Amino acid sequence: MEDLEFKTSQLTKELVVARLKTSETAYDAAAEIVKQTLTVALKAQPQDAARIVSDTTYGAMQSLILAEQNLAKAAVLLLHAVSDIAHAQHLDPTEQMMAAINGFARLSRLITADQVNDIRVEIDKEFHGTGEVFGLAISQQPAPGRRETAQ
């Protein structure tokens, strides 16, 4: 049974990535999925908003990496999506955008330095000051090969 579940999961992931690769609206699709996910998850666990936003944006960006999409463009659209949901759910948009930026920073080990810089530049153009916040968030990521442990 587990084997079937794994195959279905893997197939689904690959189909979604394949669709994103051929879609002209991959960014809009990702932003819409993020909005839908956050709407449901934040209603269920508003106390975990920062973790939920970070995890959701990280997952969306991972899919866009696999689909070979422009991550900088995606980051800008995802920040708009997070801000929209934060307003709709009466959460602090700045705090939720910071959480999204932390989600983006988690990607730093998976992408090139040029991609990191492109994200920094593009989000800063759209949301003044966020490029610096992104750089700080990257510097706070654990070193590769080491896991942070709860104390």
N, C-alpha and C. Protein backbone atom coordinates (compact mmCIF):
# COMPACT_ATOMS: atom_id res chain seq x y z
N MET A 1 0.83 -1.19 0.00
CA MET A 1 0.00 0.00 0.00
C MET A 1 0.87 1.25 0.00
N GLU A 2 1.92 1.26 0.83
CA GLU A 2 2.81 2.42 0.86
C GLU A 2 3.45 2.66 -0.49
N ASP A 3 3.81 1.58 -1.19
CA ASP A 3 4.45 1.70 -2.49
C ASP A 3 3.52 2.42 -3.47
N LEU A 4 2.23 2.08 -3.46
CA LEU A 4 1.26 2.71 -4.33
C LEU A 4 1.12 4.19 -3.99
N GLU A 5 1.09 4.51 -2.69
CA GLU A 5 0.99 5.90 -2.27
C GLU A 5 2.19 6.70 -2.76
N PHE A 6 3.39 6.12 -2.66
CA PHE A 6 4.59 6.82 -3.11
C PHE A 6 4.53 7.06 -4.61
N LYS A 7 4.15 6.06 -5.37
CA LYS A 7 4.08 6.21 -6.83
C LYS A 7 3.07 7.27 -7.22
N THR A 8 1.94 7.31 -6.56
CA THR A 8 0.92 8.32 -6.85
C THR A 8 1.44 9.70 -6.51
N SER A 9 2.10 9.83 -5.39
CA SER A 9 2.67 11.11 -4.99
C SER A 9 3.70 11.59 -6.00
N GLN A 10 4.60 10.70 -6.37
CA GLN A 10 5.65 11.05 -7.32
C GLN A 10 5.05 11.43 -8.68
N LEU A 11 4.08 10.66 -9.14
CA LEU A 11 3.43 10.94 -10.42
C LEU A 11 2.76 12.30 -10.38
N THR A 12 2.04 12.57 -9.30
CA THR A 12 1.35 13.85 -9.18
C THR A 12 2.33 15.01 -9.23
N LYS A 13 3.41 14.89 -8.48
CA LYS A 13 4.43 15.94 -8.47
C LYS A 13 4.98 16.18 -9.87
N GLU A 14 5.29 15.10 -10.56
CA GLU A 14 5.86 15.23 -11.91
C GLU A 14 4.86 15.83 -12.88
N LEU A 15 3.58 15.48 -12.76
CA LEU A 15 2.57 16.05 -13.64
C LEU A 15 2.39 17.55 -13.40
N VAL A 16 2.39 17.93 -12.13
CA VAL A 16 2.26 19.35 -11.81
C VAL A 16 3.46 20.12 -12.36
N VAL A 17 4.63 19.60 -12.16
CA VAL A 17 5.84 20.27 -12.67
C VAL A 17 5.79 20.36 -14.20
N ALA A 18 5.39 19.29 -14.85
CA ALA A 18 5.30 19.29 -16.31
C ALA A 18 4.31 20.33 -16.79
N ARG A 19 3.19 20.43 -16.11
CA ARG A 19 2.19 21.45 -16.49
C ARG A 19 2.74 22.85 -16.31
N LEU A 20 3.46 23.06 -15.21
CA LEU A 20 4.04 24.38 -14.98
C LEU A 20 5.06 24.74 -16.06
N LYS A 21 5.82 23.75 -16.52
CA LYS A 21 6.83 24.01 -17.55
C LYS A 21 6.20 24.49 -18.85
N THR A 22 5.00 24.04 -19.15
CA THR A 22 4.37 24.39 -20.42
C THR A 22 3.30 25.48 -20.27
N SER A 23 3.07 25.91 -19.08
CA SER A 23 2.02 26.90 -18.83
C SER A 23 2.56 28.31 -18.98
N GLU A 24 1.80 29.15 -19.66
CA GLU A 24 2.17 30.55 -19.76
C GLU A 24 1.81 31.29 -18.47
N THR A 25 1.00 30.67 -17.65
CA THR A 25 0.56 31.32 -16.42
C THR A 25 1.05 30.58 -15.18
N ALA A 26 2.24 30.00 -15.26
CA ALA A 26 2.78 29.24 -14.13
C ALA A 26 2.85 30.09 -12.87
N TYR A 27 3.25 31.34 -13.02
CA TYR A 27 3.39 32.21 -11.85
C TYR A 27 2.03 32.50 -11.23
N ASP A 28 1.06 32.78 -12.08
CA ASP A 28 -0.29 33.03 -11.57
C ASP A 28 -0.86 31.78 -10.91
N ALA A 29 -0.59 30.62 -11.51
CA ALA A 29 -1.06 29.36 -10.92
C ALA A 29 -0.42 29.15 -9.56
N ALA A 30 0.87 29.38 -9.46
CA ALA A 30 1.56 29.22 -8.17
C ALA A 30 1.01 30.18 -7.14
N ALA A 31 0.80 31.43 -7.52
CA ALA A 31 0.26 32.43 -6.58
C ALA A 31 -1.14 32.04 -6.13
N GLU A 32 -1.95 31.54 -7.05
CA GLU A 32 -3.31 31.14 -6.69
C GLU A 32 -3.30 29.94 -5.74
N ILE A 33 -2.42 28.98 -6.00
CA ILE A 33 -2.31 27.82 -5.11
C ILE A 33 -1.84 28.26 -3.73
N VAL A 34 -0.90 29.19 -3.67
CA VAL A 34 -0.43 29.71 -2.39
C VAL A 34 -1.58 30.39 -1.65
N LYS A 35 -2.36 31.20 -2.35
CA LYS A 35 -3.50 31.88 -1.71
C LYS A 35 -4.49 30.86 -1.15
N GLN A 36 -4.81 29.83 -1.95
CA GLN A 36 -5.77 28.82 -1.50
C GLN A 36 -5.24 28.05 -0.29
N THR A 37 -3.97 27.67 -0.35
CA THR A 37 -3.37 26.92 0.75
C THR A 37 -3.36 27.76 2.02
N LEU A 38 -2.92 29.00 1.89
CA LEU A 38 -2.85 29.87 3.07
C LEU A 38 -4.23 30.16 3.65
N THR A 39 -5.19 30.35 2.80
CA THR A 39 -6.54 30.63 3.29
C THR A 39 -7.03 29.52 4.21
N VAL A 40 -6.86 28.29 3.78
CA VAL A 40 -7.31 27.15 4.57
C VAL A 40 -6.43 26.95 5.81
N ALA A 41 -5.12 26.94 5.61
CA ALA A 41 -4.20 26.63 6.71
C ALA A 41 -4.21 27.70 7.79
N LEU A 42 -4.30 28.96 7.41
CA LEU A 42 -4.28 30.03 8.41
C LEU A 42 -5.58 30.10 9.20
N LYS A 43 -6.66 29.70 8.60
CA LYS A 43 -7.92 29.63 9.36
C LYS A 43 -7.85 28.53 10.40
N ALA A 44 -7.19 27.44 10.04
CA ALA A 44 -7.08 26.30 10.95
C ALA A 44 -6.08 26.54 12.07
N GLN A 45 -4.98 27.20 11.75
CA GLN A 45 -3.91 27.40 12.74
C GLN A 45 -3.32 28.81 12.65
N PRO A 46 -4.09 29.83 12.97
CA PRO A 46 -3.56 31.20 12.85
C PRO A 46 -2.36 31.47 13.76
N GLN A 47 -2.24 30.72 14.84
CA GLN A 47 -1.12 30.90 15.75
C GLN A 47 0.20 30.48 15.12
N ASP A 48 0.14 29.67 14.07
CA ASP A 48 1.35 29.20 13.38
C ASP A 48 1.55 29.90 12.04
N ALA A 49 1.06 31.12 11.93
CA ALA A 49 1.05 31.82 10.65
C ALA A 49 2.44 31.92 10.02
N ALA A 50 3.44 32.31 10.78
CA ALA A 50 4.78 32.49 10.21
C ALA A 50 5.32 31.18 9.63
N ARG A 51 5.16 30.10 10.35
CA ARG A 51 5.63 28.80 9.86
C ARG A 51 4.86 28.37 8.62
N ILE A 52 3.56 28.56 8.66
CA ILE A 52 2.71 28.16 7.54
C ILE A 52 3.07 28.95 6.28
N VAL A 53 3.23 30.26 6.41
CA VAL A 53 3.58 31.10 5.26
C VAL A 53 4.96 30.72 4.72
N SER A 54 5.92 30.54 5.62
CA SER A 54 7.27 30.18 5.19
C SER A 54 7.27 28.84 4.46
N ASP A 55 6.62 27.85 5.03
CA ASP A 55 6.58 26.51 4.42
C ASP A 55 5.85 26.53 3.07
N THR A 56 4.76 27.28 3.00
CA THR A 56 3.97 27.33 1.78
C THR A 56 4.74 28.01 0.65
N THR A 57 5.37 29.13 0.94
CA THR A 57 6.12 29.82 -0.11
C THR A 57 7.36 29.01 -0.51
N TYR A 58 7.97 28.34 0.44
CA TYR A 58 9.11 27.47 0.13
C TYR A 58 8.68 26.35 -0.81
N GLY A 59 7.56 25.72 -0.51
CA GLY A 59 7.06 24.64 -1.36
C GLY A 59 6.72 25.13 -2.76
N ALA A 60 6.10 26.28 -2.85
CA ALA A 60 5.75 26.84 -4.17
C ALA A 60 7.00 27.13 -4.98
N MET A 61 7.99 27.70 -4.34
CA MET A 61 9.24 28.02 -5.05
C MET A 61 9.98 26.75 -5.47
N GLN A 62 9.92 25.70 -4.66
CA GLN A 62 10.55 24.44 -5.05
C GLN A 62 9.93 23.91 -6.34
N SER A 63 8.62 23.98 -6.43
CA SER A 63 7.94 23.52 -7.65
C SER A 63 8.38 24.36 -8.85
N LEU A 64 8.53 25.65 -8.64
CA LEU A 64 8.93 26.53 -9.73
C LEU A 64 10.39 26.29 -10.14
N ILE A 65 11.22 25.87 -9.19
CA ILE A 65 12.60 25.47 -9.53
C ILE A 65 12.54 24.26 -10.45
N LEU A 66 11.76 23.25 -10.06
CA LEU A 66 11.65 22.03 -10.86
C LEU A 66 11.07 22.32 -12.24
N ALA A 67 10.19 23.32 -12.32
CA ALA A 67 9.57 23.67 -13.59
C ALA A 67 10.44 24.67 -14.38
N GLU A 68 11.59 24.98 -13.84
CA GLU A 68 12.56 25.86 -14.51
C GLU A 68 11.96 27.23 -14.82
N GLN A 69 11.28 27.81 -13.84
CA GLN A 69 10.66 29.12 -13.99
C GLN A 69 11.55 30.21 -13.39
N ASN A 70 11.25 31.45 -13.72
CA ASN A 70 11.98 32.61 -13.20
C ASN A 70 11.59 32.83 -11.74
N LEU A 71 12.51 32.55 -10.85
CA LEU A 71 12.22 32.61 -9.41
C LEU A 71 12.02 34.04 -8.92
N ALA A 72 12.71 34.98 -9.51
CA ALA A 72 12.58 36.38 -9.09
C ALA A 72 11.16 36.89 -9.37
N LYS A 73 10.68 36.60 -10.56
CA LYS A 73 9.31 37.00 -10.92
C LYS A 73 8.30 36.31 -9.99
N ALA A 74 8.53 35.05 -9.73
CA ALA A 74 7.64 34.30 -8.84
C ALA A 74 7.64 34.88 -7.44
N ALA A 75 8.81 35.23 -6.93
CA ALA A 75 8.91 35.76 -5.57
C ALA A 75 8.07 37.03 -5.41
N VAL A 76 8.12 37.90 -6.41
CA VAL A 76 7.33 39.14 -6.35
C VAL A 76 5.84 38.81 -6.30
N LEU A 77 5.40 37.92 -7.17
CA LEU A 77 3.98 37.56 -7.20
C LEU A 77 3.55 36.85 -5.91
N LEU A 78 4.42 36.02 -5.37
CA LEU A 78 4.08 35.33 -4.13
C LEU A 78 4.00 36.30 -2.96
N LEU A 79 4.87 37.31 -2.94
CA LEU A 79 4.78 38.32 -1.87
C LEU A 79 3.46 39.08 -1.96
N HIS A 80 3.02 39.40 -3.16
CA HIS A 80 1.70 40.04 -3.32
C HIS A 80 0.60 39.12 -2.82
N ALA A 81 0.69 37.84 -3.15
CA ALA A 81 -0.33 36.87 -2.71
C ALA A 81 -0.37 36.78 -1.18
N VAL A 82 0.79 36.72 -0.56
CA VAL A 82 0.87 36.65 0.91
C VAL A 82 0.29 37.92 1.53
N SER A 83 0.61 39.06 0.98
CA SER A 83 0.07 40.32 1.49
C SER A 83 -1.45 40.34 1.39
N ASP A 84 -1.98 39.90 0.25
CA ASP A 84 -3.44 39.86 0.06
C ASP A 84 -4.11 38.98 1.11
N ILE A 85 -3.56 37.81 1.33
CA ILE A 85 -4.14 36.88 2.31
C ILE A 85 -4.00 37.42 3.72
N ALA A 86 -2.88 38.02 4.03
CA ALA A 86 -2.69 38.61 5.36
C ALA A 86 -3.76 39.67 5.64
N HIS A 87 -3.99 40.53 4.67
CA HIS A 87 -5.04 41.55 4.83
C HIS A 87 -6.41 40.90 5.01
N ALA A 88 -6.71 39.92 4.18
CA ALA A 88 -8.02 39.26 4.24
C ALA A 88 -8.24 38.55 5.57
N GLN A 89 -7.16 38.05 6.17
CA GLN A 89 -7.30 37.29 7.42
C GLN A 89 -6.93 38.12 8.65
N HIS A 90 -6.80 39.42 8.45
CA HIS A 90 -6.51 40.35 9.54
C HIS A 90 -5.21 40.02 10.28
N LEU A 91 -4.20 39.65 9.50
CA LEU A 91 -2.87 39.40 10.03
C LEU A 91 -1.97 40.55 9.59
N ASP A 92 -0.88 40.73 10.28
CA ASP A 92 0.07 41.79 9.92
C ASP A 92 0.75 41.43 8.60
N PRO A 93 0.50 42.19 7.53
CA PRO A 93 1.09 41.86 6.24
C PRO A 93 2.62 41.88 6.26
N THR A 94 3.20 42.80 7.02
CA THR A 94 4.66 42.88 7.08
C THR A 94 5.24 41.62 7.70
N GLU A 95 4.65 41.15 8.78
CA GLU A 95 5.13 39.92 9.43
C GLU A 95 5.00 38.72 8.49
N GLN A 96 3.90 38.66 7.77
CA GLN A 96 3.69 37.52 6.88
C GLN A 96 4.61 37.58 5.66
N MET A 97 4.89 38.78 5.18
CA MET A 97 5.85 38.92 4.08
C MET A 97 7.25 38.54 4.55
N MET A 98 7.58 38.86 5.78
CA MET A 98 8.88 38.45 6.35
C MET A 98 8.95 36.92 6.40
N ALA A 99 7.86 36.28 6.78
CA ALA A 99 7.83 34.82 6.81
C ALA A 99 8.01 34.25 5.41
N ALA A 100 7.38 34.87 4.41
CA ALA A 100 7.55 34.42 3.03
C ALA A 100 9.00 34.58 2.59
N ILE A 101 9.61 35.69 2.95
CA ILE A 101 11.02 35.92 2.61
C ILE A 101 11.90 34.86 3.26
N ASN A 102 11.57 34.47 4.48
CA ASN A 102 12.31 33.37 5.12
C ASN A 102 12.14 32.07 4.34
N GLY A 103 10.96 31.85 3.79
CA GLY A 103 10.74 30.68 2.94
C GLY A 103 11.62 30.74 1.70
N PHE A 104 11.72 31.92 1.10
CA PHE A 104 12.59 32.08 -0.07
C PHE A 104 14.05 31.84 0.30
N ALA A 105 14.45 32.32 1.47
CA ALA A 105 15.85 32.20 1.90
C ALA A 105 16.24 30.73 2.08
N ARG A 106 15.28 29.90 2.45
CA ARG A 106 15.57 28.47 2.61
C ARG A 106 16.00 27.83 1.29
N LEU A 107 15.69 28.49 0.18
CA LEU A 107 16.07 27.98 -1.14
C LEU A 107 17.53 28.22 -1.48
N SER A 108 18.20 29.05 -0.71
CA SER A 108 19.53 29.53 -1.10
C SER A 108 20.53 28.41 -1.36
N ARG A 109 20.35 27.26 -0.75
CA ARG A 109 21.26 26.13 -1.01
C ARG A 109 20.89 25.36 -2.26
N LEU A 110 19.71 25.65 -2.82
CA LEU A 110 19.22 24.90 -3.96
C LEU A 110 19.37 25.64 -5.29
N ILE A 111 19.69 26.93 -5.21
CA ILE A 111 19.73 27.75 -6.42
C ILE A 111 21.09 28.43 -6.55
N THR A 112 21.32 29.01 -7.72
CA THR A 112 22.60 29.67 -7.98
C THR A 112 22.67 31.03 -7.29
N ALA A 113 23.89 31.52 -7.16
CA ALA A 113 24.09 32.86 -6.59
C ALA A 113 23.40 33.92 -7.45
N ASP A 114 23.40 33.72 -8.76
CA ASP A 114 22.71 34.67 -9.64
C ASP A 114 21.21 34.66 -9.39
N GLN A 115 20.64 33.50 -9.16
CA GLN A 115 19.21 33.42 -8.88
C GLN A 115 18.88 34.09 -7.55
N VAL A 116 19.75 33.89 -6.56
CA VAL A 116 19.57 34.56 -5.26
C VAL A 116 19.59 36.07 -5.46
N ASN A 117 20.57 36.54 -6.19
CA ASN A 117 20.69 37.98 -6.42
C ASN A 117 19.49 38.51 -7.20
N ASP A 118 19.03 37.77 -8.20
CA ASP A 118 17.86 38.20 -8.98
C ASP A 118 16.63 38.34 -8.08
N ILE A 119 16.43 37.39 -7.18
CA ILE A 119 15.31 37.48 -6.24
C ILE A 119 15.45 38.73 -5.38
N ARG A 120 16.65 38.93 -4.84
CA ARG A 120 16.89 40.10 -3.98
C ARG A 120 16.57 41.39 -4.71
N VAL A 121 17.07 41.53 -5.93
CA VAL A 121 16.87 42.76 -6.70
C VAL A 121 15.39 42.98 -7.03
N GLU A 122 14.73 41.93 -7.51
CA GLU A 122 13.33 42.07 -7.95
C GLU A 122 12.37 42.34 -6.81
N ILE A 123 12.54 41.65 -5.69
CA ILE A 123 11.62 41.92 -4.58
C ILE A 123 11.86 43.30 -4.01
N ASP A 124 13.11 43.76 -4.04
CA ASP A 124 13.41 45.10 -3.53
C ASP A 124 12.83 46.18 -4.44
N LYS A 125 12.80 45.95 -5.74
CA LYS A 125 12.18 46.90 -6.67
C LYS A 125 10.70 47.08 -6.35
N GLU A 126 10.05 45.97 -6.04
CA GLU A 126 8.60 46.00 -5.82
C GLU A 126 8.25 46.40 -4.38
N PHE A 127 9.05 45.96 -3.43
CA PHE A 127 8.80 46.22 -2.01
C PHE A 127 10.09 46.74 -1.39
N HIS A 128 10.24 48.05 -1.38
CA HIS A 128 11.49 48.67 -0.93
C HIS A 128 11.93 48.14 0.44
N GLY A 129 13.19 47.73 0.51
CA GLY A 129 13.77 47.24 1.76
C GLY A 129 13.76 45.73 1.90
N THR A 130 12.97 45.05 1.08
CA THR A 130 12.88 43.60 1.23
C THR A 130 14.13 42.87 0.73
N GLY A 131 14.85 43.49 -0.17
CA GLY A 131 16.09 42.86 -0.65
C GLY A 131 17.09 42.70 0.48
N GLU A 132 17.19 43.72 1.31
CA GLU A 132 18.10 43.67 2.47
C GLU A 132 17.61 42.63 3.47
N VAL A 133 16.32 42.57 3.69
CA VAL A 133 15.74 41.58 4.60
C VAL A 133 16.02 40.17 4.08
N PHE A 134 15.89 39.98 2.78
CA PHE A 134 16.18 38.69 2.16
C PHE A 134 17.64 38.30 2.38
N GLY A 135 18.55 39.24 2.17
CA GLY A 135 19.97 38.97 2.41
C GLY A 135 20.24 38.56 3.85
N LEU A 136 19.60 39.24 4.78
CA LEU A 136 19.76 38.90 6.20
C LEU A 136 19.20 37.51 6.48
N ALA A 137 18.05 37.21 5.91
CA ALA A 137 17.43 35.89 6.11
C ALA A 137 18.34 34.78 5.58
N ILE A 138 18.98 35.02 4.45
CA ILE A 138 19.90 34.02 3.89
C ILE A 138 21.09 33.82 4.83
N SER A 139 21.60 34.90 5.38
CA SER A 139 22.76 34.78 6.28
C SER A 139 22.42 34.02 7.55
N GLN A 140 21.16 33.92 7.89
CA GLN A 140 20.72 33.22 9.10
C GLN A 140 20.36 31.77 8.86
N GLN A 141 20.48 31.31 7.62
CA GLN A 141 20.19 29.91 7.31
C GLN A 141 21.29 29.02 7.87
N PRO A 142 20.93 27.82 8.33
CA PRO A 142 21.95 26.91 8.85
C PRO A 142 22.93 26.52 7.74
N ALA A 143 24.15 26.25 8.14
CA ALA A 143 25.18 25.83 7.19
C ALA A 143 24.78 24.51 6.55
N PRO A 144 25.13 24.31 5.28
CA PRO A 144 24.80 23.05 4.61
C PRO A 144 25.38 21.85 5.38
N GLY A 145 24.60 20.80 5.45
CA GLY A 145 25.07 19.58 6.11
C GLY A 145 24.84 19.55 7.61
N ARG A 146 24.39 20.67 8.17
CA ARG A 146 24.09 20.69 9.61
C ARG A 146 22.62 20.96 9.80
N ARG A 147 22.06 20.27 10.76
CA ARG A 147 20.66 20.50 11.10
C ARG A 147 20.61 21.29 12.38
N GLU A 148 19.64 22.18 12.44
CA GLU A 148 19.38 22.89 13.69
C GLU A 148 18.63 21.93 14.62
N THR A 149 19.02 21.87 15.85
CA THR A 149 18.32 21.01 16.81
C THR A 149 17.60 21.84 17.83
N ALA A 150 16.45 21.34 18.27
CA ALA A 150 15.68 22.05 19.30
C ALA A 150 16.42 21.90 20.62
N GLN A 151 16.43 22.98 21.36
CA GLN A 151 17.14 22.95 22.64
C GLN A 151 16.19 22.88 23.80
